[in-house]
Structures are given as C-alpha cells and as structure tokens.
Amino acid sequence: HLQELGCDVRWYMPDIYDEKIRNLNFSHYRYEKAVAVTLD
C-alpha cells in the first residue's frame, strides 16, 4: 500500500525470503551480521 502511494519501500530480511520479496517486487537487503534463527 505504501509502495503504491509512491514511497520507496525496501525490506531487510534473510535470504530465505528472497523469493517472497522478489514476488512482491521490493528491493531487498539481506542479513550480513545477523544470524537468521528461525522456528525450524
């Protein structure tokens, strides 16, 4: 919604979310220092 209003919206998430964020058409910053600890 914010993207459609003209905001420059970007996400910070680990690479396991690459496909989801790409499908949503957002620019994406991956974790570098952070460790991606998931429920799995």
ModelCIF file with pLDDT and N, C-alpha, C, O atoms, coordinates in Angstrom:
data_MODEL
#
_entry.id   MODEL 
#
_entity.id                         1 
_entity.type                       polymer 
_entity.pdbx_number_of_molecules   1 
#
_entity_poly.entity_id                      1 
_entity_poly.type                           'polypeptide(L)' 
_entity_poly.nstd_linkage                   no 
_entity_poly.nstd_monomer                   no 
_entity_poly.pdbx_seq_one_letter_code       HLQELGCDVRWYMPDIYDEKIRNLNFSHYRYEKAVAVTLD 
_entity_poly.pdbx_seq_one_letter_code_can   HLQELGCDVRWYMPDIYDEKIRNLNFSHYRYEKAVAVTLD 
_entity_poly.pdbx_strand_id                 A 
#
loop_
_entity_poly_seq.entity_id 
_entity_poly_seq.num 
_entity_poly_seq.mon_id 
_entity_poly_seq.hetero 
1 1  HIS n 
1 2  LEU n 
1 3  GLN n 
1 4  GLU n 
1 5  LEU n 
1 6  GLY n 
1 7  CYS n 
1 8  ASP n 
1 9  VAL n 
1 10 ARG n 
1 11 TRP n 
1 12 TYR n 
1 13 MET n 
1 14 PRO n 
1 15 ASP n 
1 16 ILE n 
1 17 TYR n 
1 18 ASP n 
1 19 GLU n 
1 20 LYS n 
1 21 ILE n 
1 22 ARG n 
1 23 ASN n 
1 24 LEU n 
1 25 ASN n 
1 26 PHE n 
1 27 SER n 
1 28 HIS n 
1 29 TYR n 
1 30 ARG n 
1 31 TYR n 
1 32 GLU n 
1 33 LYS n 
1 34 ALA n 
1 35 VAL n 
1 36 ALA n 
1 37 VAL n 
1 38 THR n 
1 39 LEU n 
1 40 ASP n 
#
_struct_asym.id          A 
_struct_asym.entity_id   1 
#
loop_
_ma_qa_metric.id 
_ma_qa_metric.mode 
_ma_qa_metric.name 
_ma_qa_metric.software_group_id 
_ma_qa_metric.type 
1 global pLDDT . pLDDT 
2 local  pLDDT . pLDDT 
#
_ma_qa_metric_global.metric_id      1 
_ma_qa_metric_global.metric_value   94.05 
_ma_qa_metric_global.model_id       1 
_ma_qa_metric_global.ordinal_id     1 
#
loop_
_ma_qa_metric_local.label_asym_id 
_ma_qa_metric_local.label_comp_id 
_ma_qa_metric_local.label_seq_id 
_ma_qa_metric_local.metric_id 
_ma_qa_metric_local.metric_value 
_ma_qa_metric_local.model_id 
_ma_qa_metric_local.ordinal_id 
A HIS 1  2 95.00 1 1  
A LEU 2  2 96.00 1 2  
A GLN 3  2 95.00 1 3  
A GLU 4  2 93.00 1 4  
A LEU 5  2 93.00 1 5  
A GLY 6  2 93.00 1 6  
A CYS 7  2 95.00 1 7  
A ASP 8  2 96.00 1 8  
A VAL 9  2 97.00 1 9  
A ARG 10 2 97.00 1 10 
A TRP 11 2 98.00 1 11 
A TYR 12 2 98.00 1 12 
A MET 13 2 97.00 1 13 
A PRO 14 2 96.00 1 14 
A ASP 15 2 95.00 1 15 
A ILE 16 2 95.00 1 16 
A TYR 17 2 96.00 1 17 
A ASP 18 2 95.00 1 18 
A GLU 19 2 94.00 1 19 
A LYS 20 2 94.00 1 20 
A ILE 21 2 95.00 1 21 
A ARG 22 2 94.00 1 22 
A ASN 23 2 93.00 1 23 
A LEU 24 2 94.00 1 24 
A ASN 25 2 94.00 1 25 
A PHE 26 2 96.00 1 26 
A SER 27 2 95.00 1 27 
A HIS 28 2 95.00 1 28 
A TYR 29 2 97.00 1 29 
A ARG 30 2 97.00 1 30 
A TYR 31 2 97.00 1 31 
A GLU 32 2 96.00 1 32 
A LYS 33 2 96.00 1 33 
A ALA 34 2 95.00 1 34 
A VAL 35 2 92.00 1 35 
A ALA 36 2 92.00 1 36 
A VAL 37 2 89.00 1 37 
A THR 38 2 87.00 1 38 
A LEU 39 2 80.00 1 39 
A ASP 40 2 80.00 1 40 
#
loop_
_atom_site.group_PDB 
_atom_site.id 
_atom_site.type_symbol 
_atom_site.label_atom_id 
_atom_site.label_alt_id 
_atom_site.label_comp_id 
_atom_site.label_asym_id 
_atom_site.label_entity_id 
_atom_site.label_seq_id 
_atom_site.pdbx_PDB_ins_code 
_atom_site.Cartn_x 
_atom_site.Cartn_y 
_atom_site.Cartn_z 
_atom_site.occupancy 
_atom_site.B_iso_or_equiv 
_atom_site.pdbx_formal_charge 
_atom_site.auth_seq_id 
_atom_site.auth_comp_id 
_atom_site.auth_asym_id 
_atom_site.auth_atom_id 
_atom_site.pdbx_PDB_model_num 
ATOM 1   N N  . HIS A 1 1  ? 0.829  -1.202  0.000  1.00 95.00 ? 1  HIS A N  1 
ATOM 2   C CA . HIS A 1 1  ? 0.000  0.000   0.000  1.00 95.00 ? 1  HIS A CA 1 
ATOM 3   C C  . HIS A 1 1  ? 0.867  1.257   0.000  1.00 95.00 ? 1  HIS A C  1 
ATOM 4   O O  . HIS A 1 1  ? 0.600  2.194   -0.753 1.00 95.00 ? 1  HIS A O  1 
ATOM 5   N N  . LEU A 1 2  ? 1.895  1.282   0.834  1.00 96.00 ? 2  LEU A N  1 
ATOM 6   C CA . LEU A 1 2  ? 2.786  2.439   0.895  1.00 96.00 ? 2  LEU A CA 1 
ATOM 7   C C  . LEU A 1 2  ? 3.595  2.575   -0.400 1.00 96.00 ? 2  LEU A C  1 
ATOM 8   O O  . LEU A 1 2  ? 3.874  3.683   -0.857 1.00 96.00 ? 2  LEU A O  1 
ATOM 9   N N  . GLN A 1 3  ? 3.963  1.438   -0.976 1.00 95.00 ? 3  GLN A N  1 
ATOM 10  C CA . GLN A 1 3  ? 4.679  1.475   -2.255 1.00 95.00 ? 3  GLN A CA 1 
ATOM 11  C C  . GLN A 1 3  ? 3.792  2.098   -3.342 1.00 95.00 ? 3  GLN A C  1 
ATOM 12  O O  . GLN A 1 3  ? 4.255  2.902   -4.151 1.00 95.00 ? 3  GLN A O  1 
ATOM 13  N N  . GLU A 1 4  ? 2.527  1.717   -3.344 1.00 93.00 ? 4  GLU A N  1 
ATOM 14  C CA . GLU A 1 4  ? 1.597  2.242   -4.336 1.00 93.00 ? 4  GLU A CA 1 
ATOM 15  C C  . GLU A 1 4  ? 1.332  3.734   -4.141 1.00 93.00 ? 4  GLU A C  1 
ATOM 16  O O  . GLU A 1 4  ? 0.926  4.426   -5.074 1.00 93.00 ? 4  GLU A O  1 
ATOM 17  N N  . LEU A 1 5  ? 1.564  4.225   -2.917 1.00 93.00 ? 5  LEU A N  1 
ATOM 18  C CA . LEU A 1 5  ? 1.430  5.660   -2.652 1.00 93.00 ? 5  LEU A CA 1 
ATOM 19  C C  . LEU A 1 5  ? 2.701  6.424   -3.026 1.00 93.00 ? 5  LEU A C  1 
ATOM 20  O O  . LEU A 1 5  ? 2.780  7.637   -2.831 1.00 93.00 ? 5  LEU A O  1 
ATOM 21  N N  . GLY A 1 6  ? 3.684  5.718   -3.558 1.00 93.00 ? 6  GLY A N  1 
ATOM 22  C CA . GLY A 1 6  ? 4.889  6.375   -4.041 1.00 93.00 ? 6  GLY A CA 1 
ATOM 23  C C  . GLY A 1 6  ? 6.073  6.321   -3.104 1.00 93.00 ? 6  GLY A C  1 
ATOM 24  O O  . GLY A 1 6  ? 7.119  6.896   -3.405 1.00 93.00 ? 6  GLY A O  1 
ATOM 25  N N  . CYS A 1 7  ? 5.938  5.642   -1.970 1.00 95.00 ? 7  CYS A N  1 
ATOM 26  C CA . CYS A 1 7  ? 7.070  5.517   -1.047 1.00 95.00 ? 7  CYS A CA 1 
ATOM 27  C C  . CYS A 1 7  ? 8.113  4.561   -1.625 1.00 95.00 ? 7  CYS A C  1 
ATOM 28  O O  . CYS A 1 7  ? 7.787  3.620   -2.350 1.00 95.00 ? 7  CYS A O  1 
ATOM 29  N N  . ASP A 1 8  ? 9.355  4.823   -1.290 1.00 96.00 ? 8  ASP A N  1 
ATOM 30  C CA . ASP A 1 8  ? 10.450 3.918   -1.649 1.00 96.00 ? 8  ASP A CA 1 
ATOM 31  C C  . ASP A 1 8  ? 10.562 2.899   -0.514 1.00 96.00 ? 8  ASP A C  1 
ATOM 32  O O  . ASP A 1 8  ? 11.224 3.142   0.495  1.00 96.00 ? 8  ASP A O  1 
ATOM 33  N N  . VAL A 1 9  ? 9.906  1.764   -0.698 1.00 97.00 ? 9  VAL A N  1 
ATOM 34  C CA . VAL A 1 9  ? 9.800  0.741   0.344  1.00 97.00 ? 9  VAL A CA 1 
ATOM 35  C C  . VAL A 1 9  ? 10.807 -0.371  0.070  1.00 97.00 ? 9  VAL A C  1 
ATOM 36  O O  . VAL A 1 9  ? 10.838 -0.930  -1.027 1.00 97.00 ? 9  VAL A O  1 
ATOM 37  N N  . ARG A 1 10 ? 11.623 -0.689  1.061  1.00 97.00 ? 10 ARG A N  1 
ATOM 38  C CA . ARG A 1 10 ? 12.587 -1.775  0.937  1.00 97.00 ? 10 ARG A CA 1 
ATOM 39  C C  . ARG A 1 10 ? 12.533 -2.655  2.184  1.00 97.00 ? 10 ARG A C  1 
ATOM 40  O O  . ARG A 1 10 ? 12.109 -2.217  3.254  1.00 97.00 ? 10 ARG A O  1 
ATOM 41  N N  . TRP A 1 11 ? 12.972 -3.901  2.024  1.00 98.00 ? 11 TRP A N  1 
ATOM 42  C CA . TRP A 1 11 ? 12.898 -4.867  3.111  1.00 98.00 ? 11 TRP A CA 1 
ATOM 43  C C  . TRP A 1 11 ? 14.295 -5.287  3.567  1.00 98.00 ? 11 TRP A C  1 
ATOM 44  O O  . TRP A 1 11 ? 15.235 -5.368  2.775  1.00 98.00 ? 11 TRP A O  1 
ATOM 45  N N  . TYR A 1 12 ? 14.396 -5.546  4.856  1.00 98.00 ? 12 TYR A N  1 
ATOM 46  C CA . TYR A 1 12 ? 15.583 -6.157  5.447  1.00 98.00 ? 12 TYR A CA 1 
ATOM 47  C C  . TYR A 1 12 ? 15.167 -7.516  5.995  1.00 98.00 ? 12 TYR A C  1 
ATOM 48  O O  . TYR A 1 12 ? 14.479 -7.602  7.012  1.00 98.00 ? 12 TYR A O  1 
ATOM 49  N N  . MET A 1 13 ? 15.593 -8.586  5.307  1.00 97.00 ? 13 MET A N  1 
ATOM 50  C CA . MET A 1 13 ? 15.224 -9.951  5.681  1.00 97.00 ? 13 MET A CA 1 
ATOM 51  C C  . MET A 1 13 ? 16.316 -10.904 5.206  1.00 97.00 ? 13 MET A C  1 
ATOM 52  O O  . MET A 1 13 ? 17.076 -10.551 4.304  1.00 97.00 ? 13 MET A O  1 
ATOM 53  N N  . PRO A 1 14 ? 16.417 -12.101 5.786  1.00 96.00 ? 14 PRO A N  1 
ATOM 54  C CA . PRO A 1 14 ? 17.442 -13.052 5.344  1.00 96.00 ? 14 PRO A CA 1 
ATOM 55  C C  . PRO A 1 14 ? 17.142 -13.607 3.963  1.00 96.00 ? 14 PRO A C  1 
ATOM 56  O O  . PRO A 1 14 ? 16.045 -13.424 3.434  1.00 96.00 ? 14 PRO A O  1 
ATOM 57  N N  . ASP A 1 15 ? 18.127 -14.288 3.381  1.00 95.00 ? 15 ASP A N  1 
ATOM 58  C CA . ASP A 1 15 ? 17.981 -14.759 2.005  1.00 95.00 ? 15 ASP A CA 1 
ATOM 59  C C  . ASP A 1 15 ? 16.907 -15.817 1.825  1.00 95.00 ? 15 ASP A C  1 
ATOM 60  O O  . ASP A 1 15 ? 16.477 -16.068 0.698  1.00 95.00 ? 15 ASP A O  1 
ATOM 61  N N  . ILE A 1 16 ? 16.462 -16.445 2.908  1.00 95.00 ? 16 ILE A N  1 
ATOM 62  C CA . ILE A 1 16 ? 15.389 -17.427 2.775  1.00 95.00 ? 16 ILE A CA 1 
ATOM 63  C C  . ILE A 1 16 ? 14.076 -16.771 2.358  1.00 95.00 ? 16 ILE A C  1 
ATOM 64  O O  . ILE A 1 16 ? 13.127 -17.461 1.985  1.00 95.00 ? 16 ILE A O  1 
ATOM 65  N N  . TYR A 1 17 ? 14.018 -15.436 2.421  1.00 96.00 ? 17 TYR A N  1 
ATOM 66  C CA . TYR A 1 17 ? 12.831 -14.703 1.987  1.00 96.00 ? 17 TYR A CA 1 
ATOM 67  C C  . TYR A 1 17 ? 13.014 -14.070 0.612  1.00 96.00 ? 17 TYR A C  1 
ATOM 68  O O  . TYR A 1 17 ? 12.179 -13.276 0.179  1.00 96.00 ? 17 TYR A O  1 
ATOM 69  N N  . ASP A 1 18 ? 14.091 -14.413 -0.072 1.00 95.00 ? 18 ASP A N  1 
ATOM 70  C CA . ASP A 1 18 ? 14.378 -13.822 -1.386 1.00 95.00 ? 18 ASP A CA 1 
ATOM 71  C C  . ASP A 1 18 ? 13.184 -13.952 -2.339 1.00 95.00 ? 18 ASP A C  1 
ATOM 72  O O  . ASP A 1 18 ? 12.749 -12.966 -2.935 1.00 95.00 ? 18 ASP A O  1 
ATOM 73  N N  . GLU A 1 19 ? 12.669 -15.149 -2.474 1.00 94.00 ? 19 GLU A N  1 
ATOM 74  C CA . GLU A 1 19 ? 11.610 -15.387 -3.457 1.00 94.00 ? 19 GLU A CA 1 
ATOM 75  C C  . GLU A 1 19 ? 10.338 -14.626 -3.103 1.00 94.00 ? 19 GLU A C  1 
ATOM 76  O O  . GLU A 1 19 ? 9.703  -14.028 -3.972 1.00 94.00 ? 19 GLU A O  1 
ATOM 77  N N  . LYS A 1 20 ? 9.970  -14.650 -1.829 1.00 94.00 ? 20 LYS A N  1 
ATOM 78  C CA . LYS A 1 20 ? 8.748  -13.949 -1.420 1.00 94.00 ? 20 LYS A CA 1 
ATOM 79  C C  . LYS A 1 20 ? 8.852  -12.456 -1.675 1.00 94.00 ? 20 LYS A C  1 
ATOM 80  O O  . LYS A 1 20 ? 7.911  -11.839 -2.175 1.00 94.00 ? 20 LYS A O  1 
ATOM 81  N N  . ILE A 1 21 ? 9.999  -11.872 -1.330 1.00 95.00 ? 21 ILE A N  1 
ATOM 82  C CA . ILE A 1 21 ? 10.169 -10.431 -1.500 1.00 95.00 ? 21 ILE A CA 1 
ATOM 83  C C  . ILE A 1 21 ? 10.292 -10.072 -2.979 1.00 95.00 ? 21 ILE A C  1 
ATOM 84  O O  . ILE A 1 21 ? 9.807  -9.025  -3.408 1.00 95.00 ? 21 ILE A O  1 
ATOM 85  N N  . ARG A 1 22 ? 10.934 -10.931 -3.749 1.00 94.00 ? 22 ARG A N  1 
ATOM 86  C CA . ARG A 1 22 ? 11.045 -10.699 -5.188 1.00 94.00 ? 22 ARG A CA 1 
ATOM 87  C C  . ARG A 1 22 ? 9.658  -10.731 -5.840 1.00 94.00 ? 22 ARG A C  1 
ATOM 88  O O  . ARG A 1 22 ? 9.360  -9.914  -6.711 1.00 94.00 ? 22 ARG A O  1 
ATOM 89  N N  . ASN A 1 23 ? 8.816  -11.675 -5.417 1.00 93.00 ? 23 ASN A N  1 
ATOM 90  C CA . ASN A 1 23 ? 7.463  -11.762 -5.965 1.00 93.00 ? 23 ASN A CA 1 
ATOM 91  C C  . ASN A 1 23 ? 6.616  -10.548 -5.604 1.00 93.00 ? 23 ASN A C  1 
ATOM 92  O O  . ASN A 1 23 ? 5.677  -10.204 -6.323 1.00 93.00 ? 23 ASN A O  1 
ATOM 93  N N  . LEU A 1 24 ? 6.948  -9.897  -4.488 1.00 94.00 ? 24 LEU A N  1 
ATOM 94  C CA . LEU A 1 24 ? 6.246  -8.690  -4.069 1.00 94.00 ? 24 LEU A CA 1 
ATOM 95  C C  . LEU A 1 24 ? 6.812  -7.432  -4.728 1.00 94.00 ? 24 LEU A C  1 
ATOM 96  O O  . LEU A 1 24 ? 6.270  -6.337  -4.578 1.00 94.00 ? 24 LEU A O  1 
ATOM 97  N N  . ASN A 1 25 ? 7.914  -7.613  -5.464 1.00 94.00 ? 25 ASN A N  1 
ATOM 98  C CA . ASN A 1 25 ? 8.538  -6.507  -6.205 1.00 94.00 ? 25 ASN A CA 1 
ATOM 99  C C  . ASN A 1 25 ? 9.100  -5.426  -5.275 1.00 94.00 ? 25 ASN A C  1 
ATOM 100 O O  . ASN A 1 25 ? 8.873  -4.234  -5.485 1.00 94.00 ? 25 ASN A O  1 
ATOM 101 N N  . PHE A 1 26 ? 9.836  -5.859  -4.249 1.00 96.00 ? 26 PHE A N  1 
ATOM 102 C CA . PHE A 1 26 ? 10.527 -4.933  -3.358 1.00 96.00 ? 26 PHE A CA 1 
ATOM 103 C C  . PHE A 1 26 ? 12.038 -5.102  -3.494 1.00 96.00 ? 26 PHE A C  1 
ATOM 104 O O  . PHE A 1 26 ? 12.530 -6.197  -3.766 1.00 96.00 ? 26 PHE A O  1 
ATOM 105 N N  . SER A 1 27 ? 12.770 -3.998  -3.301 1.00 95.00 ? 27 SER A N  1 
ATOM 106 C CA . SER A 1 27 ? 14.211 -4.103  -3.129 1.00 95.00 ? 27 SER A CA 1 
ATOM 107 C C  . SER A 1 27 ? 14.474 -4.746  -1.776 1.00 95.00 ? 27 SER A C  1 
ATOM 108 O O  . SER A 1 27 ? 13.668 -4.631  -0.853 1.00 95.00 ? 27 SER A O  1 
ATOM 109 N N  . HIS A 1 28 ? 15.625 -5.431  -1.668 1.00 95.00 ? 28 HIS A N  1 
ATOM 110 C CA . HIS A 1 28 ? 15.821 -6.320  -0.521 1.00 95.00 ? 28 HIS A CA 1 
ATOM 111 C C  . HIS A 1 28 ? 17.257 -6.244  -0.027 1.00 95.00 ? 28 HIS A C  1 
ATOM 112 O O  . HIS A 1 28 ? 18.199 -6.364  -0.810 1.00 95.00 ? 28 HIS A O  1 
ATOM 113 N N  . TYR A 1 29 ? 17.418 -6.044  1.275  1.00 97.00 ? 29 TYR A N  1 
ATOM 114 C CA . TYR A 1 29 ? 18.729 -6.120  1.917  1.00 97.00 ? 29 TYR A CA 1 
ATOM 115 C C  . TYR A 1 29 ? 18.777 -7.399  2.750  1.00 97.00 ? 29 TYR A C  1 
ATOM 116 O O  . TYR A 1 29 ? 17.928 -7.615  3.615  1.00 97.00 ? 29 TYR A O  1 
ATOM 117 N N  . ARG A 1 30 ? 19.768 -8.239  2.487  1.00 97.00 ? 30 ARG A N  1 
ATOM 118 C CA . ARG A 1 30 ? 19.892 -9.491  3.227  1.00 97.00 ? 30 ARG A CA 1 
ATOM 119 C C  . ARG A 1 30 ? 20.675 -9.295  4.520  1.00 97.00 ? 30 ARG A C  1 
ATOM 120 O O  . ARG A 1 30 ? 21.389 -8.308  4.700  1.00 97.00 ? 30 ARG A O  1 
ATOM 121 N N  . TYR A 1 31 ? 20.515 -10.266 5.411  1.00 97.00 ? 31 TYR A N  1 
ATOM 122 C CA . TYR A 1 31 ? 21.320 -10.276 6.630  1.00 97.00 ? 31 TYR A CA 1 
ATOM 123 C C  . TYR A 1 31 ? 22.800 -10.422 6.269  1.00 97.00 ? 31 TYR A C  1 
ATOM 124 O O  . TYR A 1 31 ? 23.156 -11.207 5.390  1.00 97.00 ? 31 TYR A O  1 
ATOM 125 N N  . GLU A 1 32 ? 23.635 -9.680  6.934  1.00 96.00 ? 32 GLU A N  1 
ATOM 126 C CA . GLU A 1 32 ? 25.082 -9.871  6.825  1.00 96.00 ? 32 GLU A CA 1 
ATOM 127 C C  . GLU A 1 32 ? 25.656 -10.218 8.189  1.00 96.00 ? 32 GLU A C  1 
ATOM 128 O O  . GLU A 1 32 ? 26.210 -11.302 8.370  1.00 96.00 ? 32 GLU A O  1 
ATOM 129 N N  . LYS A 1 33 ? 25.531 -9.320  9.140  1.00 96.00 ? 33 LYS A N  1 
ATOM 130 C CA . LYS A 1 33 ? 25.974 -9.615  10.505 1.00 96.00 ? 33 LYS A CA 1 
ATOM 131 C C  . LYS A 1 33 ? 24.990 -10.535 11.226 1.00 96.00 ? 33 LYS A C  1 
ATOM 132 O O  . LYS A 1 33 ? 25.388 -11.396 12.012 1.00 96.00 ? 33 LYS A O  1 
ATOM 133 N N  . ALA A 1 34 ? 23.720 -10.343 10.951 1.00 95.00 ? 34 ALA A N  1 
ATOM 134 C CA . ALA A 1 34 ? 22.679 -11.051 11.695 1.00 95.00 ? 34 ALA A CA 1 
ATOM 135 C C  . ALA A 1 34 ? 22.610 -12.534 11.328 1.00 95.00 ? 34 ALA A C  1 
ATOM 136 O O  . ALA A 1 34 ? 22.804 -12.918 10.175 1.00 95.00 ? 34 ALA A O  1 
ATOM 137 N N  . VAL A 1 35 ? 22.332 -13.342 12.325 1.00 92.00 ? 35 VAL A N  1 
ATOM 138 C CA . VAL A 1 35 ? 22.107 -14.771 12.142 1.00 92.00 ? 35 VAL A CA 1 
ATOM 139 C C  . VAL A 1 35 ? 20.602 -15.004 12.016 1.00 92.00 ? 35 VAL A C  1 
ATOM 140 O O  . VAL A 1 35 ? 19.834 -14.531 12.854 1.00 92.00 ? 35 VAL A O  1 
ATOM 141 N N  . ALA A 1 36 ? 20.178 -15.719 10.990 1.00 92.00 ? 36 ALA A N  1 
ATOM 142 C CA . ALA A 1 36 ? 18.755 -15.983 10.757 1.00 92.00 ? 36 ALA A CA 1 
ATOM 143 C C  . ALA A 1 36 ? 18.318 -17.207 11.555 1.00 92.00 ? 36 ALA A C  1 
ATOM 144 O O  . ALA A 1 36 ? 18.364 -18.333 11.059 1.00 92.00 ? 36 ALA A O  1 
ATOM 145 N N  . VAL A 1 37 ? 17.898 -16.977 12.785 1.00 89.00 ? 37 VAL A N  1 
ATOM 146 C CA . VAL A 1 37 ? 17.398 -18.069 13.621 1.00 89.00 ? 37 VAL A CA 1 
ATOM 147 C C  . VAL A 1 37 ? 15.890 -18.154 13.408 1.00 89.00 ? 37 VAL A C  1 
ATOM 148 O O  . VAL A 1 37 ? 15.159 -17.224 13.750 1.00 89.00 ? 37 VAL A O  1 
ATOM 149 N N  . THR A 1 38 ? 15.426 -19.259 12.848 1.00 87.00 ? 38 THR A N  1 
ATOM 150 C CA . THR A 1 38 ? 14.017 -19.435 12.522 1.00 87.00 ? 38 THR A CA 1 
ATOM 151 C C  . THR A 1 38 ? 13.384 -20.462 13.446 1.00 87.00 ? 38 THR A C  1 
ATOM 152 O O  . THR A 1 38 ? 14.070 -21.108 14.237 1.00 87.00 ? 38 THR A O  1 
ATOM 153 N N  . LEU A 1 39 ? 12.062 -20.607 13.337 1.00 80.00 ? 39 LEU A N  1 
ATOM 154 C CA . LEU A 1 39 ? 11.361 -21.610 14.132 1.00 80.00 ? 39 LEU A CA 1 
ATOM 155 C C  . LEU A 1 39 ? 11.806 -23.015 13.755 1.00 80.00 ? 39 LEU A C  1 
ATOM 156 O O  . LEU A 1 39 ? 11.744 -23.930 14.576 1.00 80.00 ? 39 LEU A O  1 
ATOM 157 N N  . ASP A 1 40 ? 12.252 -23.188 12.522 1.00 80.00 ? 40 ASP A N  1 
ATOM 158 C CA . ASP A 1 40 ? 12.721 -24.507 12.082 1.00 80.00 ? 40 ASP A CA 1 
ATOM 159 C C  . ASP A 1 40 ? 14.139 -24.797 12.549 1.00 80.00 ? 40 ASP A C  1 
ATOM 160 O O  . ASP A 1 40 ? 14.678 -25.866 12.261 1.00 80.00 ? 40 ASP A O  1 
#
